[in-house]
Protein backbone atom coordinates (compact mmCIF):
# COMPACT_ATOMS: atom_id res chain seq x y z
CA UNK A 1 0.00 0.00 0.00
CA UNK A 2 1.42 3.39 -0.93
CA UNK A 3 0.99 6.56 1.05
CA UNK A 4 -1.40 9.11 -0.34
CA UNK A 5 0.58 12.03 -1.68
CA UNK A 6 -1.12 15.40 -1.14
CA UNK A 7 -2.58 16.56 -4.44
CA UNK A 8 -4.74 19.58 -3.78
CA UNK A 9 -3.54 22.88 -2.34
CA UNK A 10 -5.49 22.17 0.88
CA UNK A 11 -4.02 18.69 1.24
CA UNK A 12 -0.53 20.00 0.64
CA UNK A 13 -0.87 22.88 3.12
CA UNK A 14 -2.49 20.59 5.73
CA UNK A 15 0.48 18.21 5.43
CA UNK A 16 3.05 20.91 6.27
CA UNK A 17 2.43 20.91 10.05
CA UNK A 18 2.89 17.16 10.52
CA UNK A 19 5.96 17.31 8.26
CA UNK A 20 7.56 19.92 10.54
CA UNK A 21 6.94 17.59 13.48
CA UNK A 22 9.01 14.92 11.74
CA UNK A 23 11.94 17.19 10.84
CA UNK A 24 13.68 17.09 14.23
CA UNK A 25 13.56 13.31 14.27
CA UNK A 26 15.07 13.19 10.78
CA UNK A 27 18.24 14.81 12.12
CA UNK A 28 18.87 11.57 13.98
CA UNK A 29 19.60 9.78 10.71
CA UNK A 30 22.65 7.60 10.82
CA UNK A 31 25.25 9.88 9.35
CA UNK A 32 28.91 10.22 10.17
CA UNK A 33 29.55 11.21 13.83
CA UNK A 34 25.94 10.82 15.04
CA UNK A 35 24.74 13.04 17.88
CA UNK A 36 23.31 11.29 20.95
CA UNK A 37 19.65 11.83 21.79
CA UNK A 38 20.69 13.63 25.00
CA UNK A 39 23.09 15.98 23.21
CA UNK A 40 20.50 16.54 20.49
CA UNK A 41 18.14 17.87 23.18
CA UNK A 42 20.93 20.02 24.62
CA UNK A 43 21.47 21.66 21.24
CA UNK A 44 18.07 23.34 21.63
CA UNK A 45 19.47 25.44 24.48
CA UNK A 46 22.97 25.78 23.05
CA UNK A 47 21.63 27.08 19.75
CA UNK A 48 19.79 29.93 21.51
CA UNK A 49 22.99 30.99 23.26
CA UNK A 50 25.10 30.59 20.11
CA UNK A 51 22.73 32.66 17.98
CA UNK A 52 22.66 35.40 20.62
CA UNK A 53 26.46 35.45 20.74
CA UNK A 54 26.69 35.62 16.95
CA UNK A 55 24.01 38.28 16.56
CA UNK A 56 22.83 41.30 18.45
CA UNK A 57 20.27 39.51 20.61
CA UNK A 58 22.02 40.55 23.80
CA UNK A 59 22.64 38.43 26.83
CA UNK A 60 20.86 35.12 27.31
CA UNK A 61 19.32 34.23 30.66
CA UNK A 62 17.37 31.16 31.73
CA UNK A 63 14.23 33.27 31.32
CA UNK A 64 15.16 34.06 27.72
CA UNK A 65 15.68 30.34 27.05
CA UNK A 66 12.23 29.60 28.50
CA UNK A 67 10.63 32.31 26.39
CA UNK A 68 12.38 31.25 23.22
CA UNK A 69 11.48 27.57 23.66
CA UNK A 70 7.97 28.33 24.90
CA UNK A 71 8.46 26.33 28.09
CA UNK A 72 7.96 26.99 31.79
CA UNK A 73 10.95 28.67 33.49
CA UNK A 74 11.47 25.60 35.69
CA UNK A 75 11.75 23.39 32.58
CA UNK A 76 14.24 25.82 31.02
CA UNK A 77 16.21 25.89 34.28
CA UNK A 78 16.51 22.09 34.24
CA UNK A 79 17.57 22.12 30.59
CA UNK A 80 20.20 24.80 31.26
CA UNK A 81 21.46 23.00 34.38
CA UNK A 82 21.83 19.81 32.39
CA UNK A 83 23.88 21.62 29.72
CA UNK A 84 26.04 23.18 32.44
CA UNK A 85 26.57 19.79 34.11
CA UNK A 86 27.58 18.33 30.74
CA UNK A 87 30.17 21.10 30.39
CA UNK A 88 28.55 22.83 27.40
CA UNK A 89 27.41 26.05 29.10
CA UNK A 90 28.83 28.34 31.77
CA UNK A 91 27.07 30.90 33.94
CA UNK A 92 28.53 34.38 34.25
CA UNK A 93 27.58 37.73 35.72
CA UNK A 94 25.89 40.05 33.27
CA UNK A 95 28.06 42.88 32.00
CA UNK A 96 24.92 45.06 31.91
CA UNK A 97 23.57 44.17 35.35
CA UNK A 98 25.91 42.32 37.72
CA UNK A 99 22.95 40.98 39.71
CA UNK A 100 21.80 38.96 36.71
CA UNK A 101 23.27 35.63 35.58
CA UNK A 102 23.79 35.02 31.86
CA UNK A 103 24.79 32.01 29.83
CA UNK A 104 27.77 31.46 27.54
CA UNK A 105 28.94 28.49 25.52
CA UNK A 106 32.00 26.71 26.85
CA UNK A 107 34.67 25.53 24.39
CA UNK A 108 33.05 22.07 24.62
CA UNK A 109 29.67 23.63 23.83
CA UNK A 110 31.12 25.35 20.78
CA UNK A 111 32.62 22.05 19.62
CA UNK A 112 29.28 20.24 20.09
CA UNK A 113 27.47 22.92 18.09
CA UNK A 114 30.10 22.75 15.35
CA UNK A 115 29.72 18.97 15.20
CA UNK A 116 25.90 19.34 15.28
CA UNK A 117 25.95 21.77 12.35
CA UNK A 118 28.11 19.32 10.36
CA UNK A 119 25.66 16.56 11.33
CA UNK A 120 22.69 18.65 10.16
CA UNK A 121 24.39 19.35 6.83
CA UNK A 122 25.21 15.67 6.32
CA UNK A 123 21.62 14.68 7.17
CA UNK A 124 20.27 17.28 4.72
CA UNK A 125 22.58 16.03 1.99
CA UNK A 126 21.59 12.43 2.69
CA UNK A 127 17.85 13.17 2.67
CA UNK A 128 18.08 15.25 -0.51
CA UNK A 129 20.63 13.00 -2.18
CA UNK A 130 18.41 12.33 -5.20
CA UNK A 131 17.33 15.96 -5.61
CA UNK A 132 18.85 18.22 -8.21
CA UNK A 133 21.27 20.90 -7.04
CA UNK A 134 18.64 23.50 -7.95
CA UNK A 135 15.97 21.77 -5.84
CA UNK A 136 18.32 21.56 -2.85
CA UNK A 137 19.27 25.21 -3.03
CA UNK A 138 15.69 26.38 -3.60
CA UNK A 139 14.44 24.35 -0.64
CA UNK A 140 17.27 25.71 1.55
CA UNK A 141 16.50 29.29 0.46
CA UNK A 142 12.78 28.88 1.15
CA UNK A 143 13.43 27.18 4.52
CA UNK A 144 15.65 30.08 5.61
CA UNK A 145 13.03 32.56 4.43
CA UNK A 146 10.34 30.69 6.39
CA UNK A 147 12.44 30.69 9.57
CA UNK A 148 13.19 34.41 9.20
CA UNK A 149 9.49 35.16 8.80
CA UNK A 150 8.69 33.02 11.83
CA UNK A 151 11.31 34.88 13.92
CA UNK A 152 9.83 38.20 12.75
CA UNK A 153 6.38 37.07 13.85
CA UNK A 154 7.75 35.95 17.23
CA UNK A 155 9.45 39.35 17.71
CA UNK A 156 6.30 41.28 16.77
CA UNK A 157 4.24 39.16 19.15
CA UNK A 158 6.72 39.74 21.98
CA UNK A 159 6.75 43.49 21.30
CA UNK A 160 2.94 43.59 21.24
CA UNK A 161 2.74 41.64 24.51
CA UNK A 162 5.35 43.92 26.14
CA UNK A 163 3.34 47.01 25.12
CA UNK A 164 0.23 45.72 26.90
C-alpha atoms as a PDB file:
ATOM      1  CA  UNK A   1       0.000   0.000   0.000  1.00  0.00           C
ATOM      2  CA  UNK A   2       1.418   3.395  -0.935  1.00  0.00           C
ATOM      3  CA  UNK A   3       0.993   6.565   1.054  1.00  0.00           C
ATOM      4  CA  UNK A   4      -1.402   9.106  -0.338  1.00  0.00           C
ATOM      5  CA  UNK A   5       0.585  12.030  -1.682  1.00  0.00           C
ATOM      6  CA  UNK A   6      -1.115  15.404  -1.141  1.00  0.00           C
ATOM      7  CA  UNK A   7      -2.579  16.557  -4.444  1.00  0.00           C
ATOM      8  CA  UNK A   8      -4.742  19.583  -3.777  1.00  0.00           C
ATOM      9  CA  UNK A   9      -3.535  22.875  -2.338  1.00  0.00           C
ATOM     10  CA  UNK A  10      -5.486  22.175   0.876  1.00  0.00           C
ATOM     11  CA  UNK A  11      -4.023  18.689   1.243  1.00  0.00           C
ATOM     12  CA  UNK A  12      -0.534  20.005   0.640  1.00  0.00           C
ATOM     13  CA  UNK A  13      -0.865  22.879   3.121  1.00  0.00           C
ATOM     14  CA  UNK A  14      -2.486  20.594   5.734  1.00  0.00           C
ATOM     15  CA  UNK A  15       0.482  18.206   5.429  1.00  0.00           C
ATOM     16  CA  UNK A  16       3.049  20.909   6.270  1.00  0.00           C
ATOM     17  CA  UNK A  17       2.425  20.908  10.047  1.00  0.00           C
ATOM     18  CA  UNK A  18       2.892  17.164  10.517  1.00  0.00           C
ATOM     19  CA  UNK A  19       5.961  17.315   8.262  1.00  0.00           C
ATOM     20  CA  UNK A  20       7.556  19.920  10.542  1.00  0.00           C
ATOM     21  CA  UNK A  21       6.944  17.592  13.479  1.00  0.00           C
ATOM     22  CA  UNK A  22       9.006  14.918  11.743  1.00  0.00           C
ATOM     23  CA  UNK A  23      11.941  17.188  10.845  1.00  0.00           C
ATOM     24  CA  UNK A  24      13.676  17.087  14.231  1.00  0.00           C
ATOM     25  CA  UNK A  25      13.561  13.305  14.265  1.00  0.00           C
ATOM     26  CA  UNK A  26      15.070  13.191  10.783  1.00  0.00           C
ATOM     27  CA  UNK A  27      18.239  14.815  12.116  1.00  0.00           C
ATOM     28  CA  UNK A  28      18.871  11.566  13.980  1.00  0.00           C
ATOM     29  CA  UNK A  29      19.600   9.783  10.714  1.00  0.00           C
ATOM     30  CA  UNK A  30      22.655   7.604  10.816  1.00  0.00           C
ATOM     31  CA  UNK A  31      25.252   9.884   9.350  1.00  0.00           C
ATOM     32  CA  UNK A  32      28.908  10.224  10.175  1.00  0.00           C
ATOM     33  CA  UNK A  33      29.548  11.207  13.834  1.00  0.00           C
ATOM     34  CA  UNK A  34      25.945  10.818  15.036  1.00  0.00           C
ATOM     35  CA  UNK A  35      24.742  13.036  17.879  1.00  0.00           C
ATOM     36  CA  UNK A  36      23.314  11.289  20.954  1.00  0.00           C
ATOM     37  CA  UNK A  37      19.653  11.832  21.792  1.00  0.00           C
ATOM     38  CA  UNK A  38      20.687  13.626  25.004  1.00  0.00           C
ATOM     39  CA  UNK A  39      23.095  15.979  23.207  1.00  0.00           C
ATOM     40  CA  UNK A  40      20.501  16.537  20.489  1.00  0.00           C
ATOM     41  CA  UNK A  41      18.145  17.873  23.175  1.00  0.00           C
ATOM     42  CA  UNK A  42      20.926  20.020  24.621  1.00  0.00           C
ATOM     43  CA  UNK A  43      21.467  21.662  21.238  1.00  0.00           C
ATOM     44  CA  UNK A  44      18.071  23.342  21.627  1.00  0.00           C
ATOM     45  CA  UNK A  45      19.474  25.441  24.477  1.00  0.00           C
ATOM     46  CA  UNK A  46      22.974  25.781  23.053  1.00  0.00           C
ATOM     47  CA  UNK A  47      21.635  27.081  19.747  1.00  0.00           C
ATOM     48  CA  UNK A  48      19.787  29.926  21.506  1.00  0.00           C
ATOM     49  CA  UNK A  49      22.994  30.986  23.255  1.00  0.00           C
ATOM     50  CA  UNK A  50      25.102  30.588  20.107  1.00  0.00           C
ATOM     51  CA  UNK A  51      22.726  32.662  17.978  1.00  0.00           C
ATOM     52  CA  UNK A  52      22.658  35.400  20.622  1.00  0.00           C
ATOM     53  CA  UNK A  53      26.462  35.453  20.741  1.00  0.00           C
ATOM     54  CA  UNK A  54      26.694  35.623  16.952  1.00  0.00           C
ATOM     55  CA  UNK A  55      24.013  38.283  16.565  1.00  0.00           C
ATOM     56  CA  UNK A  56      22.835  41.299  18.450  1.00  0.00           C
ATOM     57  CA  UNK A  57      20.273  39.508  20.609  1.00  0.00           C
ATOM     58  CA  UNK A  58      22.019  40.554  23.803  1.00  0.00           C
ATOM     59  CA  UNK A  59      22.639  38.434  26.833  1.00  0.00           C
ATOM     60  CA  UNK A  60      20.865  35.121  27.309  1.00  0.00           C
ATOM     61  CA  UNK A  61      19.315  34.232  30.655  1.00  0.00           C
ATOM     62  CA  UNK A  62      17.371  31.155  31.727  1.00  0.00           C
ATOM     63  CA  UNK A  63      14.228  33.269  31.319  1.00  0.00           C
ATOM     64  CA  UNK A  64      15.160  34.060  27.719  1.00  0.00           C
ATOM     65  CA  UNK A  65      15.678  30.342  27.048  1.00  0.00           C
ATOM     66  CA  UNK A  66      12.225  29.599  28.504  1.00  0.00           C
ATOM     67  CA  UNK A  67      10.628  32.306  26.394  1.00  0.00           C
ATOM     68  CA  UNK A  68      12.375  31.251  23.220  1.00  0.00           C
ATOM     69  CA  UNK A  69      11.484  27.569  23.655  1.00  0.00           C
ATOM     70  CA  UNK A  70       7.969  28.331  24.902  1.00  0.00           C
ATOM     71  CA  UNK A  71       8.456  26.328  28.092  1.00  0.00           C
ATOM     72  CA  UNK A  72       7.960  26.990  31.786  1.00  0.00           C
ATOM     73  CA  UNK A  73      10.952  28.674  33.489  1.00  0.00           C
ATOM     74  CA  UNK A  74      11.466  25.600  35.693  1.00  0.00           C
ATOM     75  CA  UNK A  75      11.749  23.388  32.583  1.00  0.00           C
ATOM     76  CA  UNK A  76      14.239  25.817  31.022  1.00  0.00           C
ATOM     77  CA  UNK A  77      16.206  25.891  34.277  1.00  0.00           C
ATOM     78  CA  UNK A  78      16.515  22.088  34.243  1.00  0.00           C
ATOM     79  CA  UNK A  79      17.571  22.121  30.591  1.00  0.00           C
ATOM     80  CA  UNK A  80      20.201  24.802  31.258  1.00  0.00           C
ATOM     81  CA  UNK A  81      21.459  23.003  34.384  1.00  0.00           C
ATOM     82  CA  UNK A  82      21.831  19.806  32.387  1.00  0.00           C
ATOM     83  CA  UNK A  83      23.877  21.619  29.718  1.00  0.00           C
ATOM     84  CA  UNK A  84      26.044  23.180  32.435  1.00  0.00           C
ATOM     85  CA  UNK A  85      26.574  19.788  34.111  1.00  0.00           C
ATOM     86  CA  UNK A  86      27.577  18.327  30.740  1.00  0.00           C
ATOM     87  CA  UNK A  87      30.172  21.102  30.390  1.00  0.00           C
ATOM     88  CA  UNK A  88      28.545  22.826  27.402  1.00  0.00           C
ATOM     89  CA  UNK A  89      27.412  26.048  29.104  1.00  0.00           C
ATOM     90  CA  UNK A  90      28.827  28.336  31.771  1.00  0.00           C
ATOM     91  CA  UNK A  91      27.068  30.899  33.939  1.00  0.00           C
ATOM     92  CA  UNK A  92      28.534  34.382  34.246  1.00  0.00           C
ATOM     93  CA  UNK A  93      27.581  37.733  35.718  1.00  0.00           C
ATOM     94  CA  UNK A  94      25.890  40.052  33.268  1.00  0.00           C
ATOM     95  CA  UNK A  95      28.058  42.883  31.995  1.00  0.00           C
ATOM     96  CA  UNK A  96      24.923  45.060  31.912  1.00  0.00           C
ATOM     97  CA  UNK A  97      23.574  44.167  35.355  1.00  0.00           C
ATOM     98  CA  UNK A  98      25.909  42.317  37.719  1.00  0.00           C
ATOM     99  CA  UNK A  99      22.952  40.976  39.710  1.00  0.00           C
ATOM    100  CA  UNK A 100      21.798  38.965  36.709  1.00  0.00           C
ATOM    101  CA  UNK A 101      23.268  35.628  35.578  1.00  0.00           C
ATOM    102  CA  UNK A 102      23.789  35.022  31.864  1.00  0.00           C
ATOM    103  CA  UNK A 103      24.795  32.006  29.827  1.00  0.00           C
ATOM    104  CA  UNK A 104      27.770  31.462  27.539  1.00  0.00           C
ATOM    105  CA  UNK A 105      28.937  28.487  25.520  1.00  0.00           C
ATOM    106  CA  UNK A 106      32.003  26.713  26.847  1.00  0.00           C
ATOM    107  CA  UNK A 107      34.670  25.532  24.390  1.00  0.00           C
ATOM    108  CA  UNK A 108      33.048  22.067  24.624  1.00  0.00           C
ATOM    109  CA  UNK A 109      29.669  23.632  23.834  1.00  0.00           C
ATOM    110  CA  UNK A 110      31.119  25.350  20.775  1.00  0.00           C
ATOM    111  CA  UNK A 111      32.619  22.047  19.615  1.00  0.00           C
ATOM    112  CA  UNK A 112      29.282  20.238  20.093  1.00  0.00           C
ATOM    113  CA  UNK A 113      27.474  22.915  18.088  1.00  0.00           C
ATOM    114  CA  UNK A 114      30.097  22.750  15.349  1.00  0.00           C
ATOM    115  CA  UNK A 115      29.717  18.970  15.201  1.00  0.00           C
ATOM    116  CA  UNK A 116      25.902  19.335  15.284  1.00  0.00           C
ATOM    117  CA  UNK A 117      25.948  21.766  12.346  1.00  0.00           C
ATOM    118  CA  UNK A 118      28.109  19.325  10.365  1.00  0.00           C
ATOM    119  CA  UNK A 119      25.660  16.562  11.326  1.00  0.00           C
ATOM    120  CA  UNK A 120      22.693  18.646  10.158  1.00  0.00           C
ATOM    121  CA  UNK A 121      24.394  19.353   6.827  1.00  0.00           C
ATOM    122  CA  UNK A 122      25.207  15.672   6.323  1.00  0.00           C
ATOM    123  CA  UNK A 123      21.616  14.681   7.169  1.00  0.00           C
ATOM    124  CA  UNK A 124      20.267  17.283   4.719  1.00  0.00           C
ATOM    125  CA  UNK A 125      22.577  16.034   1.989  1.00  0.00           C
ATOM    126  CA  UNK A 126      21.586  12.426   2.692  1.00  0.00           C
ATOM    127  CA  UNK A 127      17.855  13.174   2.672  1.00  0.00           C
ATOM    128  CA  UNK A 128      18.077  15.249  -0.512  1.00  0.00           C
ATOM    129  CA  UNK A 129      20.629  13.000  -2.182  1.00  0.00           C
ATOM    130  CA  UNK A 130      18.415  12.325  -5.204  1.00  0.00           C
ATOM    131  CA  UNK A 131      17.330  15.958  -5.610  1.00  0.00           C
ATOM    132  CA  UNK A 132      18.852  18.221  -8.208  1.00  0.00           C
ATOM    133  CA  UNK A 133      21.272  20.900  -7.036  1.00  0.00           C
ATOM    134  CA  UNK A 134      18.639  23.505  -7.946  1.00  0.00           C
ATOM    135  CA  UNK A 135      15.973  21.769  -5.842  1.00  0.00           C
ATOM    136  CA  UNK A 136      18.324  21.557  -2.848  1.00  0.00           C
ATOM    137  CA  UNK A 137      19.273  25.207  -3.031  1.00  0.00           C
ATOM    138  CA  UNK A 138      15.690  26.381  -3.604  1.00  0.00           C
ATOM    139  CA  UNK A 139      14.444  24.355  -0.640  1.00  0.00           C
ATOM    140  CA  UNK A 140      17.274  25.707   1.547  1.00  0.00           C
ATOM    141  CA  UNK A 141      16.496  29.287   0.456  1.00  0.00           C
ATOM    142  CA  UNK A 142      12.775  28.878   1.149  1.00  0.00           C
ATOM    143  CA  UNK A 143      13.426  27.184   4.520  1.00  0.00           C
ATOM    144  CA  UNK A 144      15.653  30.075   5.605  1.00  0.00           C
ATOM    145  CA  UNK A 145      13.030  32.557   4.426  1.00  0.00           C
ATOM    146  CA  UNK A 146      10.343  30.690   6.389  1.00  0.00           C
ATOM    147  CA  UNK A 147      12.436  30.686   9.570  1.00  0.00           C
ATOM    148  CA  UNK A 148      13.194  34.411   9.204  1.00  0.00           C
ATOM    149  CA  UNK A 149       9.486  35.159   8.801  1.00  0.00           C
ATOM    150  CA  UNK A 150       8.691  33.020  11.835  1.00  0.00           C
ATOM    151  CA  UNK A 151      11.306  34.884  13.915  1.00  0.00           C
ATOM    152  CA  UNK A 152       9.833  38.196  12.752  1.00  0.00           C
ATOM    153  CA  UNK A 153       6.384  37.065  13.847  1.00  0.00           C
ATOM    154  CA  UNK A 154       7.750  35.954  17.226  1.00  0.00           C
ATOM    155  CA  UNK A 155       9.446  39.347  17.712  1.00  0.00           C
ATOM    156  CA  UNK A 156       6.304  41.282  16.772  1.00  0.00           C
ATOM    157  CA  UNK A 157       4.235  39.164  19.151  1.00  0.00           C
ATOM    158  CA  UNK A 158       6.720  39.739  21.983  1.00  0.00           C
ATOM    159  CA  UNK A 159       6.749  43.491  21.300  1.00  0.00           C
ATOM    160  CA  UNK A 160       2.945  43.587  21.243  1.00  0.00           C
ATOM    161  CA  UNK A 161       2.744  41.643  24.509  1.00  0.00           C
ATOM    162  CA  UNK A 162       5.346  43.924  26.141  1.00  0.00           C
ATOM    163  CA  UNK A 163       3.344  47.005  25.121  1.00  0.00           C
ATOM    164  CA  UNK A 164       0.227  45.725  26.901  1.00  0.00           C
END
